Amino acid sequence: MTDVCGIIADLRREDQGVYEFKKLTLLGYSSDEQEIKTLVQKGFKVSDDNSKYEGVEITNSSPFQLMRTMAKEFGYKTCKPCNYDAPCDRQSIAWTCVTEESGE
């Protein structure tokens, strides 16, 4: 079975070499799944502010830290990211992640 998930992050450059990621959204999971419990055990601050909508929120973590952990723990690899303008002089970046077994 192919597993697919998505990461959406708002990025703001605060200074040279200083980037701020206040909140990420991890799509494709609900808060009661084992993968999310593993991320919490690894130190990620995971919440589900509104369970009516898909995904969980991860605060104060780099999306790259999340991608590395998901690759090591669950076998995900990232596909080409896409970016777009967000409010308040920010950029949003979205990554699709797939498991290695998918062959994509």
PDB file of N, CA and C in Angstrom:
ATOM      1  N   MET A   1       0.844  -1.191   0.000  1.00  0.00           N
ATOM      2  CA  MET A   1       0.000   0.000   0.000  1.00  0.00           C
ATOM      3  C   MET A   1       0.882   1.244   0.000  1.00  0.00           C
ATOM      4  N   THR A   2       0.529   2.199  -0.796  1.00  0.00           N
ATOM      5  CA  THR A   2       1.243   3.461  -0.862  1.00  0.00           C
ATOM      6  C   THR A   2       0.685   4.414   0.177  1.00  0.00           C
ATOM      7  N   ASP A   3       1.588   4.994   0.972  1.00  0.00           N
ATOM      8  CA  ASP A   3       1.175   6.019   1.923  1.00  0.00           C
ATOM      9  C   ASP A   3       1.594   7.372   1.386  1.00  0.00           C
ATOM     10  N   VAL A   4       0.691   8.327   1.478  1.00  0.00           N
ATOM     11  CA  VAL A   4       0.944   9.682   1.023  1.00  0.00           C
ATOM     12  C   VAL A   4       0.515  10.632   2.126  1.00  0.00           C
ATOM     13  N   CYS A   5       1.303  11.670   2.355  1.00  0.00           N
ATOM     14  CA  CYS A   5       0.901  12.720   3.281  1.00  0.00           C
ATOM     15  C   CYS A   5       1.436  14.044   2.744  1.00  0.00           C
ATOM     16  N   GLY A   6       1.025  15.115   3.340  1.00  0.00           N
ATOM     17  CA  GLY A   6       1.468  16.437   2.910  1.00  0.00           C
ATOM     18  C   GLY A   6       1.855  17.284   4.102  1.00  0.00           C
ATOM     19  N   ILE A   7       2.816  18.169   3.880  1.00  0.00           N
ATOM     20  CA  ILE A   7       3.251  19.117   4.898  1.00  0.00           C
ATOM     21  C   ILE A   7       3.085  20.508   4.319  1.00  0.00           C
ATOM     22  N   ILE A   8       2.402  21.372   5.035  1.00  0.00           N
ATOM     23  CA  ILE A   8       2.257  22.770   4.624  1.00  0.00           C
ATOM     24  C   ILE A   8       2.854  23.635   5.721  1.00  0.00           C
ATOM     25  N   ALA A   9       3.732  24.544   5.327  1.00  0.00           N
ATOM     26  CA  ALA A   9       4.406  25.403   6.302  1.00  0.00           C
ATOM     27  C   ALA A   9       4.420  26.840   5.809  1.00  0.00           C
ATOM     28  N   ASP A  10       4.190  27.765   6.725  1.00  0.00           N
ATOM     29  CA  ASP A  10       4.388  29.181   6.444  1.00  0.00           C
ATOM     30  C   ASP A  10       5.798  29.539   6.880  1.00  0.00           C
ATOM     31  N   LEU A  11       6.499  30.237   6.024  1.00  0.00           N
ATOM     32  CA  LEU A  11       7.897  30.584   6.256  1.00  0.00           C
ATOM     33  C   LEU A  11       8.036  32.096   6.291  1.00  0.00           C
ATOM     34  N   ARG A  12       8.771  32.575   7.285  1.00  0.00           N
ATOM     35  CA  ARG A  12       9.056  34.000   7.355  1.00  0.00           C
ATOM     36  C   ARG A  12      10.521  34.169   7.709  1.00  0.00           C
ATOM     37  N   ARG A  13      11.221  34.969   6.912  1.00  0.00           N
ATOM     38  CA  ARG A  13      12.626  35.250   7.197  1.00  0.00           C
ATOM     39  C   ARG A  13      12.691  36.426   8.154  1.00  0.00           C
ATOM     40  N   GLU A  14      13.253  36.184   9.332  1.00  0.00           N
ATOM     41  CA  GLU A  14      13.350  37.218  10.357  1.00  0.00           C
ATOM     42  C   GLU A  14      14.655  38.007  10.251  1.00  0.00           C
ATOM     43  N   ASP A  15      15.714  37.346   9.808  1.00  0.00           N
ATOM     44  CA  ASP A  15      17.027  37.958   9.691  1.00  0.00           C
ATOM     45  C   ASP A  15      17.862  37.038   8.807  1.00  0.00           C
ATOM     46  N   GLN A  16      19.071  37.451   8.485  1.00  0.00           N
ATOM     47  CA  GLN A  16      19.930  36.614   7.662  1.00  0.00           C
ATOM     48  C   GLN A  16      20.167  35.281   8.367  1.00  0.00           C
ATOM     49  N   GLY A  17      19.736  34.190   7.745  1.00  0.00           N
ATOM     50  CA  GLY A  17      19.897  32.865   8.312  1.00  0.00           C
ATOM     51  C   GLY A  17      18.906  32.516   9.406  1.00  0.00           C
ATOM     52  N   VAL A  18      17.930  33.391   9.678  1.00  0.00           N
ATOM     53  CA  VAL A  18      16.949  33.138  10.730  1.00  0.00           C
ATOM     54  C   VAL A  18      15.569  33.032  10.087  1.00  0.00           C
ATOM     55  N   TYR A  19      15.002  31.835  10.138  1.00  0.00           N
ATOM     56  CA  TYR A  19      13.690  31.586   9.555  1.00  0.00           C
ATOM     57  C   TYR A  19      12.743  31.106  10.647  1.00  0.00           C
ATOM     58  N   GLU A  20      11.508  31.520  10.545  1.00  0.00           N
ATOM     59  CA  GLU A  20      10.519  31.199  11.570  1.00  0.00           C
ATOM     60  C   GLU A  20       9.446  30.291  10.989  1.00  0.00           C
ATOM     61  N   PHE A  21       9.213  29.177  11.672  1.00  0.00           N
ATOM     62  CA  PHE A  21       8.138  28.246  11.326  1.00  0.00           C
ATOM     63  C   PHE A  21       7.284  28.101  12.575  1.00  0.00           C
ATOM     64  N   LYS A  22       6.248  28.914  12.705  1.00  0.00           N
ATOM     65  CA  LYS A  22       5.417  28.861  13.914  1.00  0.00           C
ATOM     66  C   LYS A  22       4.531  27.629  13.953  1.00  0.00           C
ATOM     67  N   LYS A  23       3.972  27.253  12.805  1.00  0.00           N
ATOM     68  CA  LYS A  23       3.053  26.113  12.794  1.00  0.00           C
ATOM     69  C   LYS A  23       3.101  25.437  11.429  1.00  0.00           C
ATOM     70  N   LEU A  24       3.180  24.112  11.452  1.00  0.00           N
ATOM     71  CA  LEU A  24       3.101  23.290  10.252  1.00  0.00           C
ATOM     72  C   LEU A  24       1.780  22.540  10.281  1.00  0.00           C
ATOM     73  N   THR A  25       1.267  22.177   9.133  1.00  0.00           N
ATOM     74  CA  THR A  25       0.110  21.288   9.064  1.00  0.00           C
ATOM     75  C   THR A  25       0.556  20.010   8.378  1.00  0.00           C
ATOM     76  N   LEU A  26       0.304  18.890   9.027  1.00  0.00           N
ATOM     77  CA  LEU A  26       0.604  17.575   8.468  1.00  0.00           C
ATOM     78  C   LEU A  26      -0.724  16.964   8.039  1.00  0.00           C
ATOM     79  N   LEU A  27      -0.910  16.838   6.736  1.00  0.00           N
ATOM     80  CA  LEU A  27      -2.162  16.318   6.170  1.00  0.00           C
ATOM     81  C   LEU A  27      -2.057  14.818   5.934  1.00  0.00           C
ATOM     82  N   GLY A  28      -3.177  14.143   6.062  1.00  0.00           N
ATOM     83  CA  GLY A  28      -3.224  12.711   5.797  1.00  0.00           C
ATOM     84  C   GLY A  28      -3.260  11.867   7.057  1.00  0.00           C
ATOM     85  N   TYR A  29      -3.177  12.516   8.207  1.00  0.00           N
ATOM     86  CA  TYR A  29      -3.199  11.798   9.485  1.00  0.00           C
ATOM     87  C   TYR A  29      -4.224  12.419  10.417  1.00  0.00           C
ATOM     88  N   SER A  30      -4.733  11.595  11.327  1.00  0.00           N
ATOM     89  CA  SER A  30      -5.543  12.104  12.424  1.00  0.00           C
ATOM     90  C   SER A  30      -4.748  11.902  13.708  1.00  0.00           C
ATOM     91  N   SER A  31      -5.129  12.589  14.759  1.00  0.00           N
ATOM     92  CA  SER A  31      -4.334  12.619  15.977  1.00  0.00           C
ATOM     93  C   SER A  31      -4.247  11.283  16.704  1.00  0.00           C
ATOM     94  N   ASP A  32      -5.117  10.329  16.373  1.00  0.00           N
ATOM     95  CA  ASP A  32      -5.102   9.058  17.095  1.00  0.00           C
ATOM     96  C   ASP A  32      -4.280   7.968  16.400  1.00  0.00           C
ATOM     97  N   GLU A  33      -3.607   8.287  15.296  1.00  0.00           N
ATOM     98  CA  GLU A  33      -2.834   7.276  14.568  1.00  0.00           C
ATOM     99  C   GLU A  33      -1.457   7.077  15.195  1.00  0.00           C
ATOM    100  N   GLN A  34      -0.921   5.870  15.038  1.00  0.00           N
ATOM    101  CA  GLN A  34       0.355   5.501  15.659  1.00  0.00           C
ATOM    102  C   GLN A  34       1.498   6.405  15.204  1.00  0.00           C
ATOM    103  N   GLU A  35       1.507   6.806  13.950  1.00  0.00           N
ATOM    104  CA  GLU A  35       2.581   7.674  13.459  1.00  0.00           C
ATOM    105  C   GLU A  35       2.618   8.996  14.223  1.00  0.00           C
ATOM    106  N   ILE A  36       1.457   9.532  14.531  1.00  0.00           N
ATOM    107  CA  ILE A  36       1.388  10.793  15.282  1.00  0.00           C
ATOM    108  C   ILE A  36       1.873  10.568  16.708  1.00  0.00           C
ATOM    109  N   LYS A  37       1.496   9.450  17.303  1.00  0.00           N
ATOM    110  CA  LYS A  37       1.972   9.134  18.652  1.00  0.00           C
ATOM    111  C   LYS A  37       3.497   9.007  18.673  1.00  0.00           C
ATOM    112  N   THR A  38       4.056   8.435  17.612  1.00  0.00           N
ATOM    113  CA  THR A  38       5.515   8.328  17.508  1.00  0.00           C
ATOM    114  C   THR A  38       6.147   9.708  17.402  1.00  0.00           C
ATOM    115  N   LEU A  39       5.556  10.605  16.617  1.00  0.00           N
ATOM    116  CA  LEU A  39       6.099  11.959  16.501  1.00  0.00           C
ATOM    117  C   LEU A  39       6.077  12.671  17.852  1.00  0.00           C
ATOM    118  N   VAL A  40       5.016  12.480  18.621  1.00  0.00           N
ATOM    119  CA  VAL A  40       4.936  13.076  19.959  1.00  0.00           C
ATOM    120  C   VAL A  40       6.044  12.512  20.842  1.00  0.00           C
ATOM    121  N   GLN A  41       6.274  11.202  20.765  1.00  0.00           N
ATOM    122  CA  GLN A  41       7.356  10.582  21.544  1.00  0.00           C
ATOM    123  C   GLN A  41       8.723  11.127  21.141  1.00  0.00           C
ATOM    124  N   LYS A  42       8.861  11.538  19.881  1.00  0.00           N
ATOM    125  CA  LYS A  42      10.117  12.099  19.384  1.00  0.00           C
ATOM    126  C   LYS A  42      10.266  13.578  19.735  1.00  0.00           C
ATOM    127  N   GLY A  43       9.267  14.150  20.410  1.00  0.00           N
ATOM    128  CA  GLY A  43       9.380  15.522  20.880  1.00  0.00           C
ATOM    129  C   GLY A  43       8.619  16.570  20.085  1.00  0.00           C
ATOM    130  N   PHE A  44       7.886  16.171  19.061  1.00  0.00           N
ATOM    131  CA  PHE A  44       7.103  17.135  18.293  1.00  0.00           C
ATOM    132  C   PHE A  44       5.863  17.535  19.089  1.00  0.00           C
ATOM    133  N   LYS A  45       5.518  18.810  19.025  1.00  0.00           N
ATOM    134  CA  LYS A  45       4.326  19.326  19.706  1.00  0.00           C
ATOM    135  C   LYS A  45       3.163  19.271  18.721  1.00  0.00           C
ATOM    136  N   VAL A  46       2.344  18.242  18.854  1.00  0.00           N
ATOM    137  CA  VAL A  46       1.261  17.970  17.913  1.00  0.00           C
ATOM    138  C   VAL A  46      -0.069  18.307  18.570  1.00  0.00           C
ATOM    139  N   SER A  47      -0.925  18.996  17.813  1.00  0.00           N
ATOM    140  CA  SER A  47      -2.279  19.280  18.289  1.00  0.00           C
ATOM    141  C   SER A  47      -3.241  19.144  17.116  1.00  0.00           C
ATOM    142  N   ASP A  48      -4.502  19.087  17.448  1.00  0.00           N
ATOM    143  CA  ASP A  48      -5.551  19.039  16.425  1.00  0.00           C
ATOM    144  C   ASP A  48      -6.569  20.098  16.814  1.00  0.00           C
ATOM    145  N   ASP A  49      -6.302  21.337  16.401  1.00  0.00           N
ATOM    146  CA  ASP A  49      -7.118  22.477  16.809  1.00  0.00           C
ATOM    147  C   ASP A  49      -8.569  22.361  16.366  1.00  0.00           C
ATOM    148  N   ASN A  50      -8.793  21.690  15.245  1.00  0.00           N
ATOM    149  CA  ASN A  50     -10.161  21.535  14.765  1.00  0.00           C
ATOM    150  C   ASN A  50     -10.272  20.194  14.052  1.00  0.00           C
ATOM    151  N   SER A  51     -10.750  19.193  14.747  1.00  0.00           N
ATOM    152  CA  SER A  51     -10.807  17.842  14.186  1.00  0.00           C
ATOM    153  C   SER A  51     -11.787  17.720  13.023  1.00  0.00           C
ATOM    154  N   LYS A  52     -12.573  18.753  12.795  1.00  0.00           N
ATOM    155  CA  LYS A  52     -13.493  18.770  11.660  1.00  0.00           C
ATOM    156  C   LYS A  52     -12.724  18.821  10.326  1.00  0.00           C
ATOM    157  N   TYR A  53     -11.516  19.373  10.374  1.00  0.00           N
ATOM    158  CA  TYR A  53     -10.698  19.498   9.170  1.00  0.00           C
ATOM    159  C   TYR A  53      -9.558  18.490   9.208  1.00  0.00           C
ATOM    160  N   GLU A  54      -9.168  18.046   8.035  1.00  0.00           N
ATOM    161  CA  GLU A  54      -8.098  17.051   7.919  1.00  0.00           C
ATOM    162  C   GLU A  54      -6.772  17.610   8.419  1.00  0.00           C
ATOM    163  N   GLY A  55      -5.974  16.749   9.002  1.00  0.00           N
ATOM    164  CA  GLY A  55      -4.615  17.094   9.375  1.00  0.00           C
ATOM    165  C   GLY A  55      -4.454  17.460  10.830  1.00  0.00           C
ATOM    166  N   VAL A  56      -3.191  17.505  11.239  1.00  0.00           N
ATOM    167  CA  VAL A  56      -2.824  17.916  12.590  1.00  0.00           C
ATOM    168  C   VAL A  56      -1.811  19.053  12.470  1.00  0.00           C
ATOM    169  N   GLU A  57      -1.694  19.831  13.540  1.00  0.00           N
ATOM    170  CA  GLU A  57      -0.772  20.957  13.538  1.00  0.00           C
ATOM    171  C   GLU A  57       0.441  20.605  14.391  1.00  0.00           C
ATOM    172  N   ILE A  58       1.603  21.052  13.943  1.00  0.00           N
ATOM    173  CA  ILE A  58       2.850  20.859  14.681  1.00  0.00           C
ATOM    174  C   ILE A  58       3.461  22.238  14.871  1.00  0.00           C
ATOM    175  N   THR A  59       3.713  22.606  16.116  1.00  0.00           N
ATOM    176  CA  THR A  59       4.207  23.953  16.416  1.00  0.00           C
ATOM    177  C   THR A  59       5.706  23.960  16.684  1.00  0.00           C
ATOM    178  N   ASN A  60       6.308  25.082  16.282  1.00  0.00           N
ATOM    179  CA  ASN A  60       7.712  25.397  16.561  1.00  0.00           C
ATOM    180  C   ASN A  60       8.691  24.312  16.145  1.00  0.00           C
ATOM    181  N   SER A  61       8.470  23.729  14.973  1.00  0.00           N
ATOM    182  CA  SER A  61       9.395  22.745  14.403  1.00  0.00           C
ATOM    183  C   SER A  61       9.649  23.097  12.955  1.00  0.00           C
ATOM    184  N   SER A  62      10.849  22.846  12.518  1.00  0.00           N
ATOM    185  CA  SER A  62      11.189  23.037  11.117  1.00  0.00           C
ATOM    186  C   SER A  62      10.544  21.931  10.288  1.00  0.00           C
ATOM    187  N   PRO A  63      10.042  22.260   9.099  1.00  0.00           N
ATOM    188  CA  PRO A  63       9.493  21.194   8.253  1.00  0.00           C
ATOM    189  C   PRO A  63      10.573  20.198   7.847  1.00  0.00           C
ATOM    190  N   PHE A  64      11.815  20.655   7.809  1.00  0.00           N
ATOM    191  CA  PHE A  64      12.907  19.760   7.424  1.00  0.00           C
ATOM    192  C   PHE A  64      13.193  18.753   8.540  1.00  0.00           C
ATOM    193  N   GLN A  65      13.080  19.185   9.775  1.00  0.00           N
ATOM    194  CA  GLN A  65      13.202  18.270  10.911  1.00  0.00           C
ATOM    195  C   GLN A  65      12.093  17.227  10.849  1.00  0.00           C
ATOM    196  N   LEU A  66      10.877  17.660  10.544  1.00  0.00           N
ATOM    197  CA  LEU A  66       9.752  16.732  10.418  1.00  0.00           C
ATOM    198  C   LEU A  66       9.975  15.762   9.264  1.00  0.00           C
ATOM    199  N   MET A  67      10.423  16.248   8.113  1.00  0.00           N
ATOM    200  CA  MET A  67      10.652  15.381   6.956  1.00  0.00           C
ATOM    201  C   MET A  67      11.737  14.345   7.248  1.00  0.00           C
ATOM    202  N   ARG A  68      12.815  14.758   7.910  1.00  0.00           N
ATOM    203  CA  ARG A  68      13.887  13.816   8.253  1.00  0.00           C
ATOM    204  C   ARG A  68      13.375  12.735   9.195  1.00  0.00           C
ATOM    205  N   THR A  69      12.592  13.132  10.190  1.00  0.00           N
ATOM    206  CA  THR A  69      12.051  12.161  11.138  1.00  0.00           C
ATOM    207  C   THR A  69      11.100  11.198  10.428  1.00  0.00           C
ATOM    208  N   MET A  70      10.254  11.722   9.558  1.00  0.00           N
ATOM    209  CA  MET A  70       9.314  10.859   8.846  1.00  0.00           C
ATOM    210  C   MET A  70      10.036   9.909   7.895  1.00  0.00           C
ATOM    211  N   ALA A  71      11.146  10.351   7.323  1.00  0.00           N
ATOM    212  CA  ALA A  71      11.938   9.473   6.455  1.00  0.00           C
ATOM    213  C   ALA A  71      12.573   8.344   7.272  1.00  0.00           C
ATOM    214  N   LYS A  72      13.165   8.694   8.402  1.00  0.00           N
ATOM    215  CA  LYS A  72      13.829   7.689   9.239  1.00  0.00           C
ATOM    216  C   LYS A  72      12.847   6.724   9.881  1.00  0.00           C
ATOM    217  N   GLU A  73      11.749   7.246  10.394  1.00  0.00           N
ATOM    218  CA  GLU A  73      10.812   6.424  11.159  1.00  0.00           C
ATOM    219  C   GLU A  73       9.806   5.663  10.296  1.00  0.00           C
ATOM    220  N   PHE A  74       9.359   6.278   9.195  1.00  0.00           N
ATOM    221  CA  PHE A  74       8.249   5.700   8.434  1.00  0.00           C
ATOM    222  C   PHE A  74       8.573   5.428   6.967  1.00  0.00           C
ATOM    223  N   GLY A  75       9.785   5.736   6.507  1.00  0.00           N
ATOM    224  CA  GLY A  75      10.175   5.445   5.131  1.00  0.00           C
ATOM    225  C   GLY A  75       9.657   6.420   4.090  1.00  0.00           C
ATOM    226  N   TYR A  76       9.295   7.630   4.501  1.00  0.00           N
ATOM    227  CA  TYR A  76       8.806   8.620   3.531  1.00  0.00           C
ATOM    228  C   TYR A  76       9.954   9.277   2.780  1.00  0.00           C
ATOM    229  N   LYS A  77       9.682   9.689   1.556  1.00  0.00           N
ATOM    230  CA  LYS A  77      10.586  10.572   0.819  1.00  0.00           C
ATOM    231  C   LYS A  77       9.747  11.744   0.326  1.00  0.00           C
ATOM    232  N   THR A  78      10.385  12.879   0.137  1.00  0.00           N
ATOM    233  CA  THR A  78       9.648  14.070  -0.280  1.00  0.00           C
ATOM    234  C   THR A  78       9.704  14.236  -1.788  1.00  0.00           C
ATOM    235  N   CYS A  79       8.626  14.758  -2.318  1.00  0.00           N
ATOM    236  CA  CYS A  79       8.560  15.113  -3.733  1.00  0.00           C
ATOM    237  C   CYS A  79       8.886  16.599  -3.865  1.00  0.00           C
ATOM    238  N   LYS A  80       8.892  17.086  -5.070  1.00  0.00           N
ATOM    239  CA  LYS A  80       9.224  18.492  -5.315  1.00  0.00           C
ATOM    240  C   LYS A  80       8.240  19.415  -4.589  1.00  0.00           C
ATOM    241  N   PRO A  81       8.755  20.398  -3.833  1.00  0.00           N
ATOM    242  CA  PRO A  81       7.853  21.315  -3.120  1.00  0.00           C
ATOM    243  C   PRO A  81       7.261  22.357  -4.063  1.00  0.00           C
ATOM    244  N   CYS A  82       6.178  22.961  -3.633  1.00  0.00           N
ATOM    245  CA  CYS A  82       5.628  24.109  -4.348  1.00  0.00           C
ATOM    246  C   CYS A  82       5.423  25.225  -3.330  1.00  0.00           C
ATOM    247  N   ASN A  83       5.602  26.454  -3.769  1.00  0.00           N
ATOM    248  CA  ASN A  83       5.425  27.574  -2.845  1.00  0.00           C
ATOM    249  C   ASN A  83       4.448  28.579  -3.426  1.00  0.00           C
ATOM    250  N   TYR A  84       3.897  29.386  -2.530  1.00  0.00           N
ATOM    251  CA  TYR A  84       2.943  30.416  -2.926  1.00  0.00           C
ATOM    252  C   TYR A  84       2.935  31.495  -1.858  1.00  0.00           C
ATOM    253  N   ASP A  85       2.454  32.682  -2.236  1.00  0.00           N
ATOM    254  CA  ASP A  85       2.392  33.810  -1.309  1.00  0.00           C
ATOM    255  C   ASP A  85       1.352  33.566  -0.231  1.00  0.00           C
ATOM    256  N   ALA A  86       1.689  33.995   0.984  1.00  0.00           N
ATOM    257  CA  ALA A  86       0.776  33.915   2.117  1.00  0.00           C
ATOM    258  C   ALA A  86       0.615  35.321   2.689  1.00  0.00           C
ATOM    259  N   PRO A  87      -0.389  35.547   3.505  1.00  0.00           N
ATOM    260  CA  PRO A  87      -0.587  36.881   4.091  1.00  0.00           C
ATOM    261  C   PRO A  87       0.602  37.316   4.952  1.00  0.00           C
ATOM    262  N   CYS A  88       0.695  38.612   5.189  1.00  0.00           N
ATOM    263  CA  CYS A  88       1.686  39.194   6.110  1.00  0.00           C
ATOM    264  C   CYS A  88       3.125  38.947   5.672  1.00  0.00           C
ATOM    265  N   ASP A  89       3.400  39.101   4.390  1.00  0.00           N
ATOM    266  CA  ASP A  89       4.768  39.014   3.873  1.00  0.00           C
ATOM    267  C   ASP A  89       5.426  37.658   4.159  1.00  0.00           C
ATOM    268  N   ARG A  90       4.647  36.584   4.057  1.00  0.00           N
ATOM    269  CA  ARG A  90       5.159  35.238   4.275  1.00  0.00           C
ATOM    270  C   ARG A  90       5.055  34.441   2.985  1.00  0.00           C
ATOM    271  N   GLN A  91       5.733  33.321   2.963  1.00  0.00           N
ATOM    272  CA  GLN A  91       5.620  32.346   1.890  1.00  0.00           C
ATOM    273  C   GLN A  91       5.096  31.054   2.494  1.00  0.00           C
ATOM    274  N   SER A  92       4.233  30.365   1.785  1.00  0.00           N
ATOM    275  CA  SER A  92       3.805  29.031   2.184  1.00  0.00           C
ATOM    276  C   SER A  92       4.462  28.028   1.254  1.00  0.00           C
ATOM    277  N   ILE A  93       4.877  26.928   1.827  1.00  0.00           N
ATOM    278  CA  ILE A  93       5.515  25.860   1.063  1.00  0.00           C
ATOM    279  C   ILE A  93       4.763  24.579   1.363  1.00  0.00           C
ATOM    280  N   ALA A  94       4.489  23.802   0.326  1.00  0.00           N
ATOM    281  CA  ALA A  94       3.804  22.523   0.497  1.00  0.00           C
ATOM    282  C   ALA A  94       4.676  21.411  -0.077  1.00  0.00           C
ATOM    283  N   TRP A  95       4.827  20.349   0.699  1.00  0.00           N
ATOM    284  CA  TRP A  95       5.562  19.165   0.262  1.00  0.00           C
ATOM    285  C   TRP A  95       4.623  17.981   0.270  1.00  0.00           C
ATOM    286  N   THR A  96       4.722  17.150  -0.748  1.00  0.00           N
ATOM    287  CA  THR A  96       4.050  15.864  -0.751  1.00  0.00           C
ATOM    288  C   THR A  96       5.102  14.832  -0.382  1.00  0.00           C
ATOM    289  N   CYS A  97       4.746  13.946   0.518  1.00  0.00           N
ATOM    290  CA  CYS A  97       5.659  12.888   0.950  1.00  0.00           C
ATOM    291  C   CYS A  97       5.026  11.539   0.630  1.00  0.00           C
ATOM    292  N   VAL A  98       5.814  10.625   0.089  1.00  0.00           N
ATOM    293  CA  VAL A  98       5.331   9.292  -0.248  1.00  0.00           C
ATOM    294  C   VAL A  98       6.276   8.259   0.352  1.00  0.00           C
ATOM    295  N   THR A  99       5.748   7.080   0.596  1.00  0.00           N
ATOM    296  CA  THR A  99       6.600   6.005   1.100  1.00  0.00           C
ATOM    297  C   THR A  99       7.460   5.469  -0.025  1.00  0.00           C
ATOM    298  N   GLU A 100       8.585   4.948   0.348  1.00  0.00           N
ATOM    299  CA  GLU A 100       9.541   4.404  -0.631  1.00  0.00           C
ATOM    300  C   GLU A 100       8.916   3.296  -1.472  1.00  0.00           C
ATOM    301  N   GLU A 101       8.038   2.505  -0.881  1.00  0.00           N
ATOM    302  CA  GLU A 101       7.452   1.376  -1.582  1.00  0.00           C
ATOM    303  C   GLU A 101       6.537   1.773  -2.737  1.00  0.00           C
ATOM    304  N   SER A 102       6.177   3.075  -2.796  1.00  0.00           N
ATOM    305  CA  SER A 102       5.244   3.496  -3.845  1.00  0.00           C
ATOM    306  C   SER A 102       5.900   3.533  -5.214  1.00  0.00           C
ATOM    307  N   GLY A 103       7.228   3.666  -5.254  1.00  0.00           N
ATOM    308  CA  GLY A 103       7.924   3.677  -6.536  1.00  0.00           C
ATOM    309  C   GLY A 103       7.763   4.955  -7.315  1.00  0.00           C
ATOM    310  N   GLU A 104       7.333   6.018  -6.687  1.00  0.00           N
ATOM    311  CA  GLU A 104       7.149   7.289  -7.402  1.00  0.00           C
ATOM    312  C   GLU A 104       8.345   8.192  -7.242  1.00  0.00           C
TER     313      GLU A 104
END
